[in-house]
Amino acid sequence: MFQPPKPPLVERIRACRICAERFAATATHHAPRPVVWFRPGARVLIAGQAPGIRVHDTGKPFNDRSGVRLREWLGMTDAEFYDIDRVAIVPMAFCFPGYNDKSSDLPPPPVCAGTWHRDVMAELTDLRLIVAIGSYAQRWHLDARGSLTETVSNWRDHAPRIFPLPHPSWRNTAWLKKNPWFETDLLPVLRSRVREVLDERDHRA
């Protein structure tokens, strides 16, 4: 029997409504809006947690204060960061998970990564650098089981291919002050690696 071809993966993810009932039951009562930002051929993967409310509203990943800080950490301009031919932005959940009754962010639903992540990674065969942001991404990409601080402090074990980072949320400012090695030791190496990968891609173009 003839089987029509599947739509491209990006289109299937954008059409996903697996979590519709889950999101409707949150304090925000919102509908799914998968924010999809990747294309085969990308050399850098930004592996985050899940979109926040502003990203949900705009449809553009890291289009918030956290994104400004993240781009500073990476040493990337906005144009470089949003160059979808070079940079893939793939969180552990493509949709904003919503708030609980205390107005705190809910965690990314595991069903999202379980449904889509392996297919996405199978398309991203040219990756040279993975930036794993937060414990959810670190568990998936590094099988990290310790604390976030432990994982990030052991960043040399995974470089130069994978760099674990805390979330760039301004709520983590106290963590950054408590762990000054992050900015003095890790970030210069990460920025150098980002530049190396981006320049390599430019030379091959």
N, C-alpha and C. Protein backbone atom coordinates (compact mmCIF):
# COMPACT_ATOMS: atom_id res chain seq x y z
N MET A 1 0.85 -1.19 0.00
CA MET A 1 0.00 0.00 0.00
C MET A 1 0.89 1.25 0.00
N PHE A 2 0.52 2.21 -0.83
CA PHE A 2 1.29 3.45 -0.92
C PHE A 2 1.19 4.25 0.38
N GLN A 3 2.34 4.69 0.87
CA GLN A 3 2.39 5.53 2.06
C GLN A 3 2.91 6.91 1.67
N PRO A 4 2.12 7.96 1.83
CA PRO A 4 2.60 9.29 1.46
C PRO A 4 3.79 9.66 2.34
N PRO A 5 4.73 10.42 1.80
CA PRO A 5 5.91 10.80 2.58
C PRO A 5 5.53 11.68 3.76
N LYS A 6 6.29 11.53 4.84
CA LYS A 6 6.06 12.39 6.01
C LYS A 6 6.46 13.82 5.71
N PRO A 7 5.78 14.79 6.29
CA PRO A 7 6.24 16.17 6.18
C PRO A 7 7.63 16.30 6.81
N PRO A 8 8.38 17.33 6.45
CA PRO A 8 9.68 17.55 7.08
C PRO A 8 9.56 17.60 8.60
N LEU A 9 10.63 17.22 9.28
CA LEU A 9 10.61 17.16 10.74
C LEU A 9 10.23 18.49 11.37
N VAL A 10 10.76 19.58 10.85
CA VAL A 10 10.44 20.90 11.41
C VAL A 10 8.93 21.15 11.37
N GLU A 11 8.30 20.80 10.27
CA GLU A 11 6.85 21.01 10.15
C GLU A 11 6.09 20.13 11.13
N ARG A 12 6.54 18.90 11.32
CA ARG A 12 5.85 18.01 12.25
C ARG A 12 5.97 18.51 13.69
N ILE A 13 7.13 19.06 14.04
CA ILE A 13 7.28 19.59 15.39
C ILE A 13 6.40 20.82 15.58
N ARG A 14 6.37 21.69 14.60
CA ARG A 14 5.53 22.90 14.72
C ARG A 14 4.06 22.56 14.85
N ALA A 15 3.66 21.43 14.30
CA ALA A 15 2.25 21.03 14.37
C ALA A 15 1.94 20.21 15.61
N CYS A 16 2.93 19.95 16.45
CA CYS A 16 2.74 19.07 17.61
C CYS A 16 1.78 19.71 18.62
N ARG A 17 0.85 18.90 19.12
CA ARG A 17 -0.10 19.35 20.13
C ARG A 17 -0.21 18.31 21.25
N ILE A 18 0.83 17.54 21.45
CA ILE A 18 0.80 16.47 22.46
C ILE A 18 0.47 17.02 23.85
N CYS A 19 0.96 18.21 24.15
CA CYS A 19 0.81 18.75 25.51
C CYS A 19 -0.35 19.72 25.65
N ALA A 20 -1.28 19.72 24.71
CA ALA A 20 -2.37 20.70 24.76
C ALA A 20 -3.15 20.63 26.07
N GLU A 21 -3.53 19.46 26.50
CA GLU A 21 -4.30 19.34 27.74
C GLU A 21 -3.45 19.72 28.95
N ARG A 22 -2.18 19.34 28.92
CA ARG A 22 -1.27 19.68 30.02
C ARG A 22 -1.15 21.20 30.17
N PHE A 23 -0.98 21.90 29.06
CA PHE A 23 -0.82 23.36 29.12
C PHE A 23 -2.12 24.05 29.50
N ALA A 24 -3.22 23.53 29.04
CA ALA A 24 -4.52 24.13 29.39
C ALA A 24 -4.78 24.05 30.88
N ALA A 25 -4.16 23.09 31.56
CA ALA A 25 -4.37 22.91 33.00
C ALA A 25 -3.41 23.73 33.85
N THR A 26 -2.47 24.46 33.23
CA THR A 26 -1.53 25.27 33.99
C THR A 26 -2.18 26.60 34.37
N ALA A 27 -1.48 27.38 35.17
CA ALA A 27 -1.99 28.68 35.58
C ALA A 27 -2.10 29.64 34.41
N THR A 28 -1.33 29.40 33.34
CA THR A 28 -1.38 30.29 32.17
C THR A 28 -2.44 29.86 31.15
N HIS A 29 -2.93 28.63 31.24
CA HIS A 29 -4.00 28.15 30.35
C HIS A 29 -3.69 28.43 28.88
N HIS A 30 -2.47 28.20 28.48
CA HIS A 30 -2.06 28.55 27.13
C HIS A 30 -2.11 27.33 26.19
N ALA A 31 -2.07 27.63 24.91
CA ALA A 31 -2.03 26.57 23.89
C ALA A 31 -0.58 26.31 23.48
N PRO A 32 -0.29 25.13 22.97
CA PRO A 32 1.08 24.85 22.51
C PRO A 32 1.49 25.80 21.39
N ARG A 33 2.76 26.21 21.44
CA ARG A 33 3.35 26.95 20.33
C ARG A 33 4.81 26.53 20.22
N PRO A 34 5.11 25.43 19.55
CA PRO A 34 6.50 24.98 19.44
C PRO A 34 7.36 26.04 18.75
N VAL A 35 8.47 26.37 19.39
CA VAL A 35 9.43 27.32 18.82
C VAL A 35 10.59 26.49 18.26
N VAL A 36 10.66 26.39 16.95
CA VAL A 36 11.59 25.47 16.28
C VAL A 36 12.64 26.30 15.55
N TRP A 37 13.92 26.03 15.85
CA TRP A 37 14.99 26.83 15.27
C TRP A 37 16.21 25.93 15.00
N PHE A 38 16.13 25.15 13.97
CA PHE A 38 17.29 24.35 13.58
C PHE A 38 17.17 23.99 12.11
N ARG A 39 18.34 23.67 11.54
CA ARG A 39 18.41 23.27 10.15
C ARG A 39 19.62 22.36 9.98
N PRO A 40 19.52 21.27 9.24
CA PRO A 40 20.69 20.44 9.00
C PRO A 40 21.85 21.27 8.45
N GLY A 41 23.05 20.96 8.91
CA GLY A 41 24.23 21.73 8.52
C GLY A 41 24.73 22.65 9.60
N ALA A 42 23.93 22.86 10.65
CA ALA A 42 24.37 23.72 11.76
C ALA A 42 25.62 23.14 12.41
N ARG A 43 26.49 24.03 12.88
CA ARG A 43 27.74 23.61 13.50
C ARG A 43 27.71 23.78 15.02
N VAL A 44 26.86 24.66 15.50
CA VAL A 44 26.74 24.94 16.94
C VAL A 44 25.32 24.60 17.38
N LEU A 45 25.20 23.89 18.49
CA LEU A 45 23.89 23.59 19.07
C LEU A 45 23.78 24.28 20.42
N ILE A 46 22.75 25.10 20.57
CA ILE A 46 22.38 25.67 21.85
C ILE A 46 21.26 24.80 22.41
N ALA A 47 21.60 23.98 23.40
CA ALA A 47 20.64 23.04 23.98
C ALA A 47 20.15 23.60 25.31
N GLY A 48 18.95 24.15 25.30
CA GLY A 48 18.42 24.79 26.49
C GLY A 48 17.37 23.95 27.19
N GLN A 49 16.54 24.63 27.97
CA GLN A 49 15.53 23.95 28.77
C GLN A 49 14.16 23.99 28.09
N ALA A 50 13.58 25.18 28.01
CA ALA A 50 12.28 25.36 27.37
C ALA A 50 12.06 26.86 27.18
N PRO A 51 11.24 27.25 26.22
CA PRO A 51 10.96 28.67 26.04
C PRO A 51 10.28 29.28 27.26
N GLY A 52 10.56 30.55 27.49
CA GLY A 52 9.83 31.31 28.50
C GLY A 52 8.63 31.98 27.87
N ILE A 53 7.93 32.78 28.66
CA ILE A 53 6.69 33.39 28.19
C ILE A 53 6.94 34.36 27.04
N ARG A 54 8.05 35.13 27.09
CA ARG A 54 8.31 36.09 26.01
C ARG A 54 8.63 35.35 24.71
N VAL A 55 9.40 34.28 24.81
CA VAL A 55 9.70 33.49 23.62
C VAL A 55 8.42 32.87 23.07
N HIS A 56 7.54 32.41 23.94
CA HIS A 56 6.24 31.88 23.52
C HIS A 56 5.46 32.94 22.75
N ASP A 57 5.51 34.18 23.23
CA ASP A 57 4.74 35.25 22.59
C ASP A 57 5.33 35.66 21.25
N THR A 58 6.66 35.66 21.14
CA THR A 58 7.31 36.18 19.94
C THR A 58 7.69 35.09 18.93
N GLY A 59 7.83 33.84 19.40
CA GLY A 59 8.25 32.77 18.51
C GLY A 59 9.72 32.79 18.16
N LYS A 60 10.52 33.56 18.91
CA LYS A 60 11.95 33.67 18.64
C LYS A 60 12.73 33.23 19.88
N PRO A 61 13.59 32.22 19.79
CA PRO A 61 14.25 31.68 20.98
C PRO A 61 15.23 32.67 21.61
N PHE A 62 15.29 32.64 22.92
CA PHE A 62 16.19 33.50 23.71
C PHE A 62 16.02 34.97 23.34
N ASN A 63 14.81 35.36 23.04
CA ASN A 63 14.49 36.75 22.72
C ASN A 63 14.07 37.47 24.01
N ASP A 64 14.99 37.46 24.99
CA ASP A 64 14.69 38.02 26.30
C ASP A 64 16.01 38.38 27.00
N ARG A 65 15.94 38.78 28.25
CA ARG A 65 17.15 39.18 28.96
C ARG A 65 18.13 38.02 29.12
N SER A 66 17.59 36.82 29.29
CA SER A 66 18.46 35.66 29.37
C SER A 66 19.25 35.48 28.08
N GLY A 67 18.62 35.74 26.95
CA GLY A 67 19.30 35.63 25.68
C GLY A 67 20.42 36.65 25.52
N VAL A 68 20.19 37.86 26.04
CA VAL A 68 21.24 38.88 25.99
C VAL A 68 22.47 38.41 26.77
N ARG A 69 22.23 37.89 27.96
CA ARG A 69 23.35 37.39 28.76
C ARG A 69 24.02 36.20 28.09
N LEU A 70 23.24 35.30 27.53
CA LEU A 70 23.81 34.13 26.87
C LEU A 70 24.71 34.54 25.71
N ARG A 71 24.28 35.49 24.90
CA ARG A 71 25.09 35.94 23.78
C ARG A 71 26.38 36.60 24.26
N GLU A 72 26.32 37.28 25.40
CA GLU A 72 27.54 37.83 25.99
C GLU A 72 28.47 36.71 26.42
N TRP A 73 27.93 35.68 27.04
CA TRP A 73 28.75 34.54 27.45
C TRP A 73 29.44 33.90 26.25
N LEU A 74 28.72 33.77 25.15
CA LEU A 74 29.24 33.09 23.98
C LEU A 74 30.14 33.97 23.12
N GLY A 75 30.06 35.28 23.34
CA GLY A 75 30.80 36.20 22.48
C GLY A 75 30.24 36.26 21.08
N MET A 76 28.92 36.14 20.96
CA MET A 76 28.26 36.12 19.66
C MET A 76 27.38 37.35 19.48
N THR A 77 27.35 37.87 18.28
CA THR A 77 26.41 38.94 17.95
C THR A 77 25.02 38.34 17.75
N ASP A 78 24.03 39.20 17.73
CA ASP A 78 22.67 38.72 17.46
C ASP A 78 22.61 38.04 16.09
N ALA A 79 23.27 38.63 15.10
CA ALA A 79 23.23 38.06 13.75
C ALA A 79 23.85 36.68 13.72
N GLU A 80 24.95 36.48 14.43
CA GLU A 80 25.58 35.17 14.48
C GLU A 80 24.70 34.16 15.22
N PHE A 81 24.15 34.58 16.33
CA PHE A 81 23.35 33.68 17.16
C PHE A 81 22.11 33.19 16.42
N TYR A 82 21.50 34.07 15.63
CA TYR A 82 20.26 33.71 14.95
C TYR A 82 20.49 33.27 13.49
N ASP A 83 21.72 32.99 13.15
CA ASP A 83 22.02 32.45 11.81
C ASP A 83 21.69 30.96 11.82
N ILE A 84 20.52 30.61 11.36
CA ILE A 84 20.02 29.24 11.48
C ILE A 84 20.82 28.25 10.64
N ASP A 85 21.58 28.73 9.69
CA ASP A 85 22.44 27.84 8.91
C ASP A 85 23.65 27.38 9.72
N ARG A 86 24.01 28.14 10.75
CA ARG A 86 25.19 27.80 11.55
C ARG A 86 24.84 27.41 12.98
N VAL A 87 23.75 27.92 13.50
CA VAL A 87 23.42 27.72 14.91
C VAL A 87 22.02 27.12 15.03
N ALA A 88 21.95 25.96 15.69
CA ALA A 88 20.67 25.33 16.01
C ALA A 88 20.34 25.60 17.48
N ILE A 89 19.09 25.94 17.75
CA ILE A 89 18.64 26.20 19.12
C ILE A 89 17.54 25.18 19.42
N VAL A 90 17.91 24.18 20.21
CA VAL A 90 17.01 23.04 20.44
C VAL A 90 16.88 22.80 21.94
N PRO A 91 15.81 23.30 22.55
CA PRO A 91 15.60 23.06 23.98
C PRO A 91 15.05 21.67 24.23
N MET A 92 15.01 21.29 25.50
CA MET A 92 14.48 19.97 25.85
C MET A 92 12.96 19.91 25.73
N ALA A 93 12.33 21.05 25.61
CA ALA A 93 10.91 21.12 25.26
C ALA A 93 10.74 22.32 24.34
N PHE A 94 10.02 22.15 23.25
CA PHE A 94 9.89 23.21 22.26
C PHE A 94 8.86 24.26 22.65
N CYS A 95 7.98 23.94 23.59
CA CYS A 95 6.92 24.86 23.99
C CYS A 95 7.17 25.43 25.38
N PHE A 96 6.63 26.59 25.64
CA PHE A 96 6.59 27.16 26.98
C PHE A 96 5.76 26.24 27.87
N PRO A 97 6.33 25.72 28.97
CA PRO A 97 5.59 24.76 29.80
C PRO A 97 4.50 25.39 30.65
N GLY A 98 4.55 26.73 30.83
CA GLY A 98 3.56 27.41 31.66
C GLY A 98 4.06 27.68 33.06
N TYR A 99 3.20 28.33 33.85
CA TYR A 99 3.49 28.63 35.25
C TYR A 99 2.62 27.76 36.15
N ASN A 100 3.15 27.52 37.35
CA ASN A 100 2.31 26.88 38.35
C ASN A 100 1.51 27.94 39.10
N ASP A 101 0.80 27.55 40.15
CA ASP A 101 -0.06 28.51 40.84
C ASP A 101 0.72 29.52 41.67
N LYS A 102 2.07 29.36 41.73
CA LYS A 102 2.92 30.34 42.40
C LYS A 102 3.69 31.20 41.41
N SER A 103 3.29 31.14 40.15
CA SER A 103 3.91 31.91 39.06
C SER A 103 5.36 31.54 38.80
N SER A 104 5.70 30.30 39.12
CA SER A 104 7.03 29.78 38.82
C SER A 104 6.98 28.95 37.55
N ASP A 105 8.08 28.95 36.79
CA ASP A 105 8.14 28.17 35.57
C ASP A 105 8.00 26.68 35.88
N LEU A 106 7.18 26.01 35.12
CA LEU A 106 7.09 24.55 35.21
C LEU A 106 8.24 23.92 34.43
N PRO A 107 8.64 22.71 34.78
CA PRO A 107 9.74 22.05 34.06
C PRO A 107 9.31 21.62 32.66
N PRO A 108 10.26 21.38 31.77
CA PRO A 108 9.90 20.91 30.44
C PRO A 108 9.28 19.52 30.50
N PRO A 109 8.14 19.29 29.86
CA PRO A 109 7.52 17.96 29.88
C PRO A 109 8.44 16.93 29.22
N PRO A 110 8.76 15.84 29.89
CA PRO A 110 9.66 14.82 29.30
C PRO A 110 9.15 14.26 27.98
N VAL A 111 7.84 14.30 27.75
CA VAL A 111 7.29 13.71 26.53
C VAL A 111 7.81 14.43 25.29
N CYS A 112 8.18 15.69 25.42
CA CYS A 112 8.65 16.44 24.25
C CYS A 112 9.99 15.88 23.77
N ALA A 113 10.97 15.82 24.67
CA ALA A 113 12.27 15.26 24.29
C ALA A 113 12.13 13.81 23.87
N GLY A 114 11.27 13.06 24.58
CA GLY A 114 11.09 11.66 24.25
C GLY A 114 10.50 11.46 22.86
N THR A 115 9.71 12.41 22.41
CA THR A 115 9.06 12.31 21.10
C THR A 115 9.96 12.79 19.97
N TRP A 116 10.71 13.89 20.21
CA TRP A 116 11.37 14.57 19.10
C TRP A 116 12.90 14.60 19.12
N HIS A 117 13.51 14.49 20.28
CA HIS A 117 14.93 14.87 20.38
C HIS A 117 15.84 13.97 19.54
N ARG A 118 15.61 12.70 19.56
CA ARG A 118 16.50 11.81 18.79
C ARG A 118 16.39 12.07 17.29
N ASP A 119 15.20 12.35 16.82
CA ASP A 119 15.03 12.66 15.40
C ASP A 119 15.75 13.96 15.04
N VAL A 120 15.66 14.95 15.93
CA VAL A 120 16.34 16.22 15.67
C VAL A 120 17.85 16.01 15.62
N MET A 121 18.37 15.32 16.61
CA MET A 121 19.82 15.10 16.66
C MET A 121 20.30 14.29 15.46
N ALA A 122 19.46 13.41 14.95
CA ALA A 122 19.83 12.62 13.78
C ALA A 122 19.98 13.49 12.53
N GLU A 123 19.32 14.66 12.52
CA GLU A 123 19.45 15.58 11.39
C GLU A 123 20.65 16.51 11.55
N LEU A 124 21.12 16.69 12.79
CA LEU A 124 22.21 17.64 13.04
C LEU A 124 23.54 16.88 13.07
N THR A 125 23.95 16.45 11.91
CA THR A 125 25.13 15.58 11.81
C THR A 125 26.44 16.35 11.71
N ASP A 126 26.39 17.67 11.55
CA ASP A 126 27.61 18.45 11.37
C ASP A 126 28.02 19.24 12.61
N LEU A 127 27.43 18.91 13.77
CA LEU A 127 27.71 19.69 14.97
C LEU A 127 29.17 19.56 15.39
N ARG A 128 29.74 20.71 15.77
CA ARG A 128 31.10 20.76 16.28
C ARG A 128 31.14 21.23 17.73
N LEU A 129 30.04 21.83 18.16
CA LEU A 129 29.99 22.39 19.52
C LEU A 129 28.57 22.31 20.04
N ILE A 130 28.43 21.79 21.26
CA ILE A 130 27.13 21.73 21.94
C ILE A 130 27.24 22.52 23.24
N VAL A 131 26.37 23.49 23.41
CA VAL A 131 26.30 24.26 24.64
C VAL A 131 25.08 23.76 25.40
N ALA A 132 25.31 23.02 26.47
CA ALA A 132 24.23 22.38 27.24
C ALA A 132 23.88 23.26 28.43
N ILE A 133 22.72 23.90 28.37
CA ILE A 133 22.32 24.91 29.35
C ILE A 133 21.33 24.31 30.33
N GLY A 134 21.71 24.24 31.59
CA GLY A 134 20.81 23.76 32.63
C GLY A 134 20.84 22.25 32.78
N SER A 135 20.31 21.80 33.90
CA SER A 135 20.43 20.39 34.27
C SER A 135 19.66 19.45 33.33
N TYR A 136 18.53 19.90 32.76
CA TYR A 136 17.77 19.02 31.88
C TYR A 136 18.56 18.70 30.62
N ALA A 137 19.15 19.72 30.01
CA ALA A 137 19.96 19.49 28.81
C ALA A 137 21.22 18.70 29.14
N GLN A 138 21.77 18.95 30.31
CA GLN A 138 23.00 18.23 30.70
C GLN A 138 22.74 16.76 30.95
N ARG A 139 21.57 16.44 31.47
CA ARG A 139 21.24 15.03 31.65
C ARG A 139 21.13 14.32 30.30
N TRP A 140 20.55 15.00 29.33
CA TRP A 140 20.35 14.37 28.03
C TRP A 140 21.66 14.25 27.25
N HIS A 141 22.43 15.33 27.21
CA HIS A 141 23.62 15.36 26.36
C HIS A 141 24.87 14.80 27.05
N LEU A 142 24.88 14.80 28.37
CA LEU A 142 26.07 14.32 29.11
C LEU A 142 25.76 13.18 30.05
N ASP A 143 24.49 12.83 30.18
CA ASP A 143 24.06 11.86 31.19
C ASP A 143 24.52 12.31 32.57
N ALA A 144 24.48 13.61 32.81
CA ALA A 144 24.93 14.17 34.09
C ALA A 144 23.91 13.89 35.18
N ARG A 145 24.37 13.37 36.31
CA ARG A 145 23.47 13.01 37.40
C ARG A 145 23.77 13.78 38.68
N GLY A 146 24.87 14.53 38.71
CA GLY A 146 25.18 15.31 39.90
C GLY A 146 24.49 16.65 39.87
N SER A 147 24.90 17.54 40.76
CA SER A 147 24.33 18.88 40.80
C SER A 147 24.81 19.68 39.59
N LEU A 148 24.08 20.74 39.28
CA LEU A 148 24.48 21.60 38.17
C LEU A 148 25.87 22.17 38.42
N THR A 149 26.13 22.61 39.64
CA THR A 149 27.45 23.17 39.95
C THR A 149 28.55 22.15 39.71
N GLU A 150 28.32 20.92 40.12
CA GLU A 150 29.30 19.86 39.90
C GLU A 150 29.53 19.63 38.42
N THR A 151 28.45 19.58 37.65
CA THR A 151 28.58 19.34 36.21
C THR A 151 29.33 20.47 35.53
N VAL A 152 28.95 21.71 35.83
CA VAL A 152 29.59 22.85 35.18
C VAL A 152 31.05 22.99 35.61
N SER A 153 31.33 22.72 36.87
CA SER A 153 32.72 22.84 37.34
C SER A 153 33.64 21.80 36.71
N ASN A 154 33.05 20.71 36.20
CA ASN A 154 33.83 19.67 35.52
C ASN A 154 33.80 19.85 33.99
N TRP A 155 33.64 21.07 33.55
CA TRP A 155 33.48 21.36 32.12
C TRP A 155 34.65 20.88 31.28
N ARG A 156 35.84 20.86 31.85
CA ARG A 156 37.02 20.43 31.07
C ARG A 156 36.92 18.97 30.65
N ASP A 157 36.12 18.17 31.37
CA ASP A 157 35.96 16.77 31.02
C ASP A 157 35.21 16.58 29.71
N HIS A 158 34.49 17.62 29.28
CA HIS A 158 33.63 17.50 28.11
C HIS A 158 34.06 18.40 26.95
N ALA A 159 34.85 19.43 27.24
CA ALA A 159 35.34 20.33 26.20
C ALA A 159 36.33 19.57 25.31
N PRO A 160 36.48 19.99 24.04
CA PRO A 160 35.91 21.19 23.43
C PRO A 160 34.57 20.96 22.71
N ARG A 161 34.03 19.74 22.76
CA ARG A 161 32.78 19.49 22.02
C ARG A 161 31.56 19.96 22.79
N ILE A 162 31.50 19.73 24.10
CA ILE A 162 30.33 20.09 24.89
C ILE A 162 30.76 20.98 26.06
N PHE A 163 30.05 22.08 26.24
CA PHE A 163 30.26 22.97 27.37
C PHE A 163 28.97 23.06 28.18
N PRO A 164 28.96 22.58 29.42
CA PRO A 164 27.77 22.74 30.27
C PRO A 164 27.75 24.13 30.91
N LEU A 165 26.60 24.77 30.88
CA LEU A 165 26.44 26.11 31.45
C LEU A 165 25.24 26.14 32.38
N PRO A 166 25.24 27.06 33.35
CA PRO A 166 24.00 27.33 34.07
C PRO A 166 23.05 28.09 33.16
N HIS A 167 21.80 28.19 33.55
CA HIS A 167 20.89 28.99 32.76
C HIS A 167 21.28 30.46 32.89
N PRO A 168 21.24 31.22 31.79
CA PRO A 168 21.64 32.63 31.86
C PRO A 168 20.59 33.55 32.49
N SER A 169 19.59 32.99 33.13
CA SER A 169 18.58 33.80 33.80
C SER A 169 19.24 34.72 34.82
N TRP A 170 18.66 35.90 34.97
CA TRP A 170 19.18 36.84 35.97
C TRP A 170 18.94 36.33 37.37
N ARG A 171 18.10 35.32 37.52
CA ARG A 171 17.91 34.70 38.84
C ARG A 171 19.17 33.96 39.29
N ASN A 172 20.07 33.68 38.36
CA ASN A 172 21.30 32.97 38.70
C ASN A 172 22.48 33.90 38.97
N THR A 173 22.21 35.18 39.14
CA THR A 173 23.29 36.13 39.42
C THR A 173 24.03 35.75 40.70
N ALA A 174 23.31 35.30 41.72
CA ALA A 174 23.96 34.90 42.98
C ALA A 174 24.88 33.71 42.75
N TRP A 175 24.46 32.77 41.89
CA TRP A 175 25.31 31.62 41.57
C TRP A 175 26.60 32.08 40.91
N LEU A 176 26.50 33.03 40.01
CA LEU A 176 27.68 33.53 39.30
C LEU A 176 28.66 34.20 40.27
N LYS A 177 28.12 34.94 41.23
CA LYS A 177 28.99 35.59 42.21
C LYS A 177 29.67 34.56 43.12
N LYS A 178 28.97 33.48 43.39
CA LYS A 178 29.51 32.44 44.27
C LYS A 178 30.53 31.57 43.54
N ASN A 179 30.47 31.56 42.22
CA ASN A 179 31.36 30.71 41.42
C ASN A 179 32.10 31.56 40.38
N PRO A 180 33.02 32.40 40.82
CA PRO A 180 33.69 33.32 39.89
C PRO A 180 34.53 32.62 38.82
N TRP A 181 34.93 31.37 39.07
CA TRP A 181 35.69 30.61 38.08
C TRP A 181 34.93 30.45 36.76
N PHE A 182 33.60 30.52 36.84
CA PHE A 182 32.81 30.35 35.62
C PHE A 182 33.16 31.44 34.60
N GLU A 183 33.26 32.68 35.06
CA GLU A 183 33.55 33.77 34.15
C GLU A 183 35.04 33.89 33.85
N THR A 184 35.89 33.55 34.81
CA THR A 184 37.33 33.73 34.60
C THR A 184 37.98 32.56 33.86
N ASP A 185 37.47 31.34 34.07
CA ASP A 185 38.10 30.16 33.50
C ASP A 185 37.33 29.57 32.32
N LEU A 186 36.03 29.35 32.51
CA LEU A 186 35.24 28.67 31.48
C LEU A 186 34.92 29.57 30.29
N LEU A 187 34.39 30.76 30.56
CA LEU A 187 33.89 31.58 29.46
C LEU A 187 34.96 31.95 28.42
N PRO A 188 36.18 32.30 28.80
CA PRO A 188 37.18 32.61 27.76
C PRO A 188 37.44 31.42 26.83
N VAL A 189 37.46 30.22 27.37
CA VAL A 189 37.67 29.03 26.54
C VAL A 189 36.46 28.79 25.64
N LEU A 190 35.27 28.96 26.19
CA LEU A 190 34.06 28.79 25.40
C LEU A 190 34.01 29.79 24.25
N ARG A 191 34.30 31.05 24.53
CA ARG A 191 34.26 32.07 23.47
C ARG A 191 35.28 31.76 22.37
N SER A 192 36.43 31.30 22.77
CA SER A 192 37.45 30.94 21.79
C SER A 192 36.97 29.78 20.92
N ARG A 193 36.32 28.81 21.55
CA ARG A 193 35.80 27.65 20.79
C ARG A 193 34.67 28.06 19.86
N VAL A 194 33.78 28.93 20.31
CA VAL A 194 32.71 29.43 19.46
C VAL A 194 33.30 30.10 18.23
N ARG A 195 34.30 30.96 18.44
CA ARG A 195 34.90 31.67 17.32
C ARG A 195 35.59 30.71 16.36
N GLU A 196 36.25 29.71 16.91
CA GLU A 196 36.92 28.71 16.08
C GLU A 196 35.93 27.98 15.19
N VAL A 197 34.81 27.56 15.76
CA VAL A 197 33.80 26.82 14.99
C VAL A 197 33.14 27.70 13.95
N LEU A 198 32.79 28.92 14.31
CA LEU A 198 32.15 29.82 13.36
C LEU A 198 33.10 30.19 12.22
N ASP A 199 34.36 30.44 12.54
CA ASP A 199 35.33 30.79 11.50
C ASP A 199 35.58 29.60 10.59
N GLU A 200 35.60 28.40 11.17
CA GLU A 200 35.78 27.19 10.35
C GLU A 200 34.65 27.07 9.34
N ARG A 201 33.45 27.33 9.78
CA ARG A 201 32.29 27.26 8.89
C ARG A 201 32.40 28.31 7.79
N ASP A 202 32.83 29.53 8.16
CA ASP A 202 32.96 30.58 7.18
C ASP A 202 33.99 30.22 6.11
N HIS A 203 35.08 29.60 6.51
CA HIS A 203 36.13 29.24 5.57
C HIS A 203 35.69 28.15 4.60
N ARG A 204 34.73 27.31 5.05
CA ARG A 204 34.27 26.22 4.20
C ARG A 204 33.17 26.69 3.24
N ALA A 205 32.56 27.82 3.56
CA ALA A 205 31.43 28.29 2.74
C ALA A 205 31.88 28.65 1.32
